[in-house]
Amino acid sequence: MIDILVATYNGERYLGAQLDSLIDQTEKDIRILIRDDGSTDRTPEMIADYARRYSEKIEAVSVSAAARGPVGNFMALTRAASADYVMYCDQDDVWYPEKAEKTRKAMAEAEQRWGSQTPILIYSNYETVDKDLTPLPVDERKNQVYRPHLAFNRLLVQNYVTGCTMMVNRALYQKATATDAEILMHDWWFALYASAFGKIVHLDEKLMAYRQHCDQCVGATDVKSFNYRLTKFKDPATRDKKNDYYRQAQAFKAHYGRDLPADQAQILNYFLAIPAKNKWGRMAALIRGKYFKSDFFRILGQFYYI
């Protein structure tokens, strides 16, 4: 079975279309778990209505804490999951009918190759659309597609996995646990774990419509545009983010340091030693460890804010 985890917050405008697309999946062995994070619009009523009409497929997860944000919401849903496989779903996208089925088949092939006890993450492509589902001429982060050389060291400084495209197996999601405050985003944390202890597989097919609109909580951007790069380069938050990367890496070590393979432990420890060095030492360590992001402008920013 597949548990599809839907995190919601003030999503009344698009939630119905997304839930309809989940119900229409060609893969029928699914359960849809929905957790609302304190919406003030009609989202809770919509969830209750869908759970009533499709009680055999949809289950509303009870809320035992105050608003937790996207990370906390998805991690709470992960703790409520129990299926062999888990997929993550944003409230405002639309899944194509064969998304769950094709991803499950890719997972089955991966588990046949490496075993079901191996933590495995499968992720696919998406089509970027506007609020009315019209395709947009946006490069959907081709430069962030996982490649063999974009391994554990690269994932320490940049996430290459979009959560709403991914499936993880039980061997991954039951072990990659952490408190909400320790991780930057659930998909990033799972990608780090899969890179360190298991396998990441890219399914090179567009299996969903990734909706762009002005009021979404998390979304894609044309990261290759000059305006985007200039804005990010000048934003002080870009400088400060590097501290978040180190905090997340430190949390990863606290949870899994004793179990890390020797090569991965060396990569992690060398990375965590960078902040204590002087500027030239930090630059040298960045180069030696190949802790690079995915394109020239991002790498330039790394050295500028070192």
Protein backbone atom coordinates (compact mmCIF):
# COMPACT_ATOMS: atom_id res chain seq x y z
CA MET A 1 0.00 0.00 0.00
CA ILE A 2 0.96 3.63 -0.56
CA ASP A 3 0.19 6.35 1.97
CA ILE A 4 -0.18 9.70 0.21
CA LEU A 5 0.43 12.48 2.73
CA VAL A 6 -1.34 15.79 2.11
CA ALA A 7 -0.36 18.82 4.21
CA THR A 8 -2.86 21.68 4.08
CA TYR A 9 -3.11 25.29 5.23
CA ASN A 10 -5.68 27.76 3.89
CA GLY A 11 -5.90 25.78 0.67
CA GLU A 12 -9.59 26.03 -0.20
CA ARG A 13 -8.95 27.52 -3.64
CA TYR A 14 -7.08 24.56 -5.11
CA LEU A 15 -7.50 21.66 -2.68
CA GLY A 16 -10.54 20.15 -4.39
CA ALA A 17 -8.74 19.72 -7.72
CA GLN A 18 -5.77 18.13 -6.01
CA LEU A 19 -7.85 15.67 -4.00
CA ASP A 20 -9.83 14.76 -7.12
CA SER A 21 -6.56 13.98 -8.91
CA LEU A 22 -5.53 11.68 -6.05
CA ILE A 23 -8.84 9.86 -6.08
CA ASP A 24 -8.49 9.36 -9.85
CA GLN A 25 -5.08 7.66 -9.62
CA THR A 26 -4.77 4.44 -11.62
CA GLU A 27 -2.97 2.96 -8.61
CA LYS A 28 -5.83 1.86 -6.36
CA ASP A 29 -3.93 0.51 -3.36
CA ILE A 30 -3.59 3.91 -1.74
CA ARG A 31 -4.62 5.69 1.42
CA ILE A 32 -4.77 9.48 1.53
CA LEU A 33 -3.81 11.00 4.89
CA ILE A 34 -4.59 14.70 5.29
CA ARG A 35 -3.46 16.95 8.11
CA ASP A 36 -4.54 20.58 8.33
CA ASP A 37 -2.26 23.06 10.07
CA GLY A 38 -4.79 25.47 11.53
CA SER A 39 -6.51 26.85 8.44
CA THR A 40 -8.86 29.80 8.85
CA ASP A 41 -10.67 29.31 5.54
CA ARG A 42 -12.93 26.45 4.40
CA THR A 43 -10.11 23.91 4.16
CA PRO A 44 -11.14 21.93 7.29
CA GLU A 45 -14.72 21.67 6.04
CA MET A 46 -13.52 20.50 2.63
CA ILE A 47 -11.33 17.83 4.23
CA ALA A 48 -14.23 16.60 6.35
CA ASP A 49 -16.47 16.46 3.28
CA TYR A 50 -13.97 14.47 1.21
CA ALA A 51 -13.24 12.13 4.13
CA ARG A 52 -16.97 11.49 4.46
CA ARG A 53 -17.54 10.89 0.74
CA TYR A 54 -14.42 8.77 0.25
CA SER A 55 -14.10 7.15 3.65
CA GLU A 56 -12.46 4.06 2.15
CA LYS A 57 -9.56 6.15 0.82
CA ILE A 58 -9.25 9.39 2.79
CA GLU A 59 -8.42 9.81 6.46
CA ALA A 60 -8.05 13.10 8.30
CA VAL A 61 -5.16 13.01 10.76
CA SER A 62 -6.06 14.52 14.11
CA VAL A 63 -4.17 17.66 15.07
CA SER A 64 -2.54 17.36 18.48
CA ALA A 65 -0.47 20.54 18.36
CA ALA A 66 -0.63 24.12 17.22
CA ALA A 67 0.39 25.23 13.73
CA ARG A 68 3.73 23.66 12.85
CA GLY A 69 4.50 25.00 9.38
CA PRO A 70 5.21 22.89 6.27
CA VAL A 71 8.07 20.92 7.84
CA GLY A 72 6.18 20.09 11.02
CA ASN A 73 3.01 19.26 9.14
CA PHE A 74 4.72 16.80 6.80
CA MET A 75 6.76 15.23 9.59
CA ALA A 76 3.61 14.76 11.68
CA LEU A 77 2.02 13.05 8.69
CA THR A 78 5.09 10.87 8.26
CA ARG A 79 4.79 9.70 11.85
CA ALA A 80 1.14 8.79 11.16
CA ALA A 81 2.02 6.72 8.08
CA SER A 82 2.22 2.92 8.16
CA ALA A 83 2.21 1.77 4.52
CA ASP A 84 5.07 0.13 2.65
CA TYR A 85 5.57 3.35 0.69
CA VAL A 86 4.90 7.03 1.30
CA MET A 87 4.36 9.87 -1.17
CA TYR A 88 4.17 13.57 -0.32
CA CYS A 89 1.55 15.89 -1.75
CA ASP A 90 1.15 19.67 -1.74
CA GLN A 91 -2.37 21.04 -1.52
CA ASP A 92 -2.36 23.10 -4.70
CA ASP A 93 -0.92 20.86 -7.42
CA VAL A 94 -2.56 18.27 -9.67
CA TRP A 95 -1.24 14.75 -10.05
CA TYR A 96 -1.45 13.05 -13.43
CA PRO A 97 -3.43 9.77 -13.26
CA GLU A 98 -0.45 7.39 -13.46
CA LYS A 99 1.84 9.24 -11.03
CA ALA A 100 1.47 6.85 -8.09
CA GLU A 101 1.47 3.74 -10.27
CA LYS A 102 4.58 4.66 -12.27
CA THR A 103 6.47 5.74 -9.17
CA ARG A 104 5.55 2.52 -7.38
CA LYS A 105 6.82 0.49 -10.35
CA ALA A 106 10.11 2.37 -10.24
CA MET A 107 10.32 1.64 -6.52
CA ALA A 108 9.60 -2.05 -7.10
CA GLU A 109 12.45 -2.23 -9.60
CA ALA A 110 14.77 -0.46 -7.17
CA GLU A 111 13.85 -2.76 -4.29
CA GLN A 112 14.33 -5.80 -6.52
CA ARG A 113 17.83 -4.54 -7.28
CA TRP A 114 18.91 -3.39 -3.82
CA GLY A 115 16.43 -5.05 -1.45
CA SER A 116 13.46 -3.68 0.48
CA GLN A 117 15.64 -3.13 3.56
CA THR A 118 17.65 -0.52 1.66
CA PRO A 119 16.39 3.05 2.20
CA ILE A 120 15.24 4.17 -1.26
CA LEU A 121 13.95 7.51 -2.53
CA ILE A 122 12.34 7.80 -5.97
CA TYR A 123 11.60 11.21 -7.45
CA SER A 124 10.26 12.36 -10.80
CA ASN A 125 9.79 15.51 -12.90
CA TYR A 126 6.89 17.94 -12.97
CA GLU A 127 5.31 20.39 -15.38
CA THR A 128 5.21 23.97 -14.10
CA VAL A 129 1.79 25.58 -14.62
CA ASP A 130 0.03 28.80 -13.64
CA LYS A 131 -2.96 29.09 -11.33
CA ASP A 132 -5.25 27.93 -14.15
CA LEU A 133 -3.04 24.91 -14.99
CA THR A 134 -1.68 26.52 -18.16
CA PRO A 135 1.91 25.35 -18.78
CA LEU A 136 4.56 27.99 -18.05
CA PRO A 137 7.87 28.47 -19.89
CA VAL A 138 9.83 27.84 -16.72
CA ASP A 139 12.93 25.68 -16.49
CA GLU A 140 11.82 23.25 -13.82
CA ARG A 141 15.15 23.17 -12.10
CA LYS A 142 16.90 20.94 -14.60
CA ASN A 143 20.09 22.04 -12.94
CA GLN A 144 18.82 20.49 -9.71
CA VAL A 145 18.22 17.00 -11.08
CA TYR A 146 20.16 14.47 -9.05
CA ARG A 147 23.23 13.18 -10.88
CA PRO A 148 25.79 10.62 -9.75
CA HIS A 149 28.30 13.35 -8.85
CA LEU A 150 25.68 15.27 -6.85
CA ALA A 151 26.17 13.01 -3.88
CA PHE A 152 26.18 13.40 -0.10
CA ASN A 153 28.65 16.31 -0.12
CA ARG A 154 26.48 18.28 -2.56
CA LEU A 155 23.29 17.53 -0.65
CA LEU A 156 24.78 19.07 2.47
CA VAL A 157 24.54 22.50 0.83
CA GLN A 158 21.60 22.18 -1.56
CA ASN A 159 18.49 20.05 -1.93
CA TYR A 160 17.91 18.42 -5.31
CA VAL A 161 14.67 16.60 -4.54
CA THR A 162 11.23 18.20 -4.82
CA GLY A 163 9.08 16.61 -2.12
CA CYS A 164 5.83 16.47 -4.06
CA THR A 165 7.50 14.26 -6.69
CA MET A 166 9.03 11.72 -4.34
CA MET A 167 8.22 8.30 -2.92
CA VAL A 168 10.14 6.75 -0.03
CA ASN A 169 10.01 3.20 1.23
CA ARG A 170 9.45 2.04 4.78
CA ALA A 171 13.17 1.45 5.31
CA LEU A 172 13.69 5.17 4.76
CA TYR A 173 10.77 7.00 6.33
CA GLN A 174 10.75 4.99 9.56
CA LYS A 175 14.44 5.64 10.16
CA ALA A 176 14.90 9.21 8.90
CA THR A 177 13.26 10.74 11.94
CA ALA A 178 14.04 14.09 13.54
CA THR A 179 12.38 16.91 15.42
CA ASP A 180 10.83 19.62 13.28
CA ALA A 181 13.34 22.26 14.40
CA GLU A 182 16.34 20.19 13.30
CA ILE A 183 15.59 20.02 9.58
CA LEU A 184 15.18 22.63 6.87
CA MET A 185 12.64 20.64 4.84
CA HIS A 186 11.39 17.07 4.97
CA ASP A 187 12.42 16.23 1.40
CA TRP A 188 15.94 17.52 2.00
CA TRP A 189 16.31 15.45 5.16
CA PHE A 190 15.11 12.28 3.43
CA ALA A 191 17.45 12.93 0.49
CA LEU A 192 20.39 13.26 2.88
CA TYR A 193 19.47 10.00 4.58
CA ALA A 194 18.98 8.14 1.30
CA SER A 195 22.29 9.46 -0.02
CA ALA A 196 24.15 8.42 3.13
CA PHE A 197 22.55 5.04 3.75
CA GLY A 198 20.63 4.01 0.65
CA LYS A 199 19.79 4.94 -2.92
CA ILE A 200 18.22 7.86 -4.80
CA VAL A 201 16.57 7.10 -8.15
CA HIS A 202 15.40 9.72 -10.64
CA LEU A 203 12.32 8.86 -12.74
CA ASP A 204 12.75 11.06 -15.80
CA GLU A 205 9.08 11.71 -16.55
CA LYS A 206 6.66 14.57 -15.81
CA LEU A 207 4.01 13.07 -13.56
CA MET A 208 2.27 16.12 -12.12
CA ALA A 209 1.35 19.75 -12.67
CA TYR A 210 3.28 21.99 -10.26
CA ARG A 211 1.10 25.04 -9.79
CA GLN A 212 2.62 28.52 -9.46
CA HIS A 213 0.53 31.23 -7.81
CA CYS A 214 1.13 34.28 -5.68
CA ASP A 215 -0.17 32.92 -2.36
CA GLN A 216 1.43 29.48 -2.20
CA CYS A 217 3.62 28.51 0.72
CA VAL A 218 6.33 26.69 -1.21
CA GLY A 219 6.92 26.83 -4.95
CA ALA A 220 9.34 26.62 -7.83
CA THR A 221 10.93 29.64 -9.44
CA ASP A 222 12.81 30.20 -12.67
CA VAL A 223 16.13 29.86 -10.90
CA LYS A 224 18.09 30.51 -14.10
CA SER A 225 16.68 33.99 -14.69
CA PHE A 226 19.09 36.90 -14.20
CA ASN A 227 16.64 38.80 -11.98
CA TYR A 228 16.24 35.81 -9.66
CA ARG A 229 19.99 35.33 -9.40
CA LEU A 230 20.67 39.01 -8.76
CA THR A 231 17.97 39.21 -6.09
CA LYS A 232 19.24 36.11 -4.33
CA PHE A 233 22.84 37.29 -4.54
CA LYS A 234 22.00 40.61 -2.84
CA ASP A 235 19.66 39.12 -0.26
CA PRO A 236 21.27 38.94 3.23
CA ALA A 237 19.27 35.77 3.81
CA THR A 238 21.49 34.07 1.25
CA ARG A 239 24.47 34.75 3.48
CA ASP A 240 22.65 33.56 6.57
CA LYS A 241 21.42 30.32 4.99
CA LYS A 242 24.85 28.77 5.19
CA ASN A 243 24.45 28.69 8.97
CA ASP A 244 21.23 26.72 8.51
CA TYR A 245 23.11 24.18 6.41
CA TYR A 246 25.63 23.63 9.19
CA ARG A 247 22.88 23.33 11.81
CA GLN A 248 21.08 20.71 9.76
CA ALA A 249 24.32 18.82 9.15
CA GLN A 250 25.07 18.88 12.88
CA ALA A 251 21.62 17.46 13.60
CA PHE A 252 22.21 14.75 11.00
CA LYS A 253 25.45 13.81 12.72
CA ALA A 254 23.76 13.76 16.13
CA HIS A 255 21.15 11.31 14.86
CA TYR A 256 23.20 9.07 12.57
CA GLY A 257 26.89 9.82 13.08
CA ARG A 258 27.64 6.50 14.77
CA ASP A 259 26.11 4.53 11.89
CA LEU A 260 27.51 6.48 8.94
CA PRO A 261 29.78 4.64 6.50
CA ALA A 262 33.37 5.80 6.89
CA ASP A 263 33.42 7.81 3.65
CA GLN A 264 30.22 9.67 4.49
CA ALA A 265 31.37 10.31 8.06
CA GLN A 266 34.58 11.87 6.74
CA ILE A 267 32.60 14.09 4.34
CA LEU A 268 30.26 15.22 7.12
CA ASN A 269 32.97 15.87 9.70
CA TYR A 270 35.09 17.85 7.25
CA PHE A 271 32.06 19.94 6.34
CA LEU A 272 31.22 20.67 9.98
CA ALA A 273 34.79 21.83 10.61
CA ILE A 274 34.57 24.59 7.98
CA PRO A 275 33.02 27.38 10.13
CA ALA A 276 35.93 27.28 12.59
CA LYS A 277 38.48 28.04 9.86
CA ASN A 278 39.57 31.48 8.66
CA LYS A 279 38.24 32.80 5.36
CA TRP A 280 40.97 31.28 3.21
CA GLY A 281 40.70 28.01 5.08
CA ARG A 282 36.95 27.94 4.49
CA MET A 283 37.48 28.53 0.77
CA ALA A 284 40.08 25.78 0.58
CA ALA A 285 37.81 23.35 2.44
CA LEU A 286 34.89 24.17 0.17
CA ILE A 287 37.03 23.30 -2.85
CA ARG A 288 38.67 20.25 -1.36
CA GLY A 289 35.40 18.77 -0.14
CA LYS A 290 33.55 19.75 -3.35
CA TYR A 291 30.68 21.18 -1.32
CA PHE A 292 29.36 22.97 -4.37
CA LYS A 293 25.86 23.97 -5.39
CA SER A 294 24.46 23.27 -8.82
CA ASP A 295 25.51 26.19 -11.03
CA PHE A 296 28.05 28.97 -11.42
CA PHE A 297 26.02 31.76 -9.80
CA ARG A 298 25.19 29.69 -6.73
CA ILE A 299 28.82 28.67 -6.36
CA LEU A 300 29.87 32.30 -6.75
CA GLY A 301 27.48 33.17 -3.93
CA GLN A 302 29.01 30.47 -1.75
CA PHE A 303 32.47 32.00 -2.09
CA TYR A 304 31.19 35.57 -1.76
CA TYR A 305 29.49 34.80 1.56
CA ILE A 306 32.11 32.35 2.82
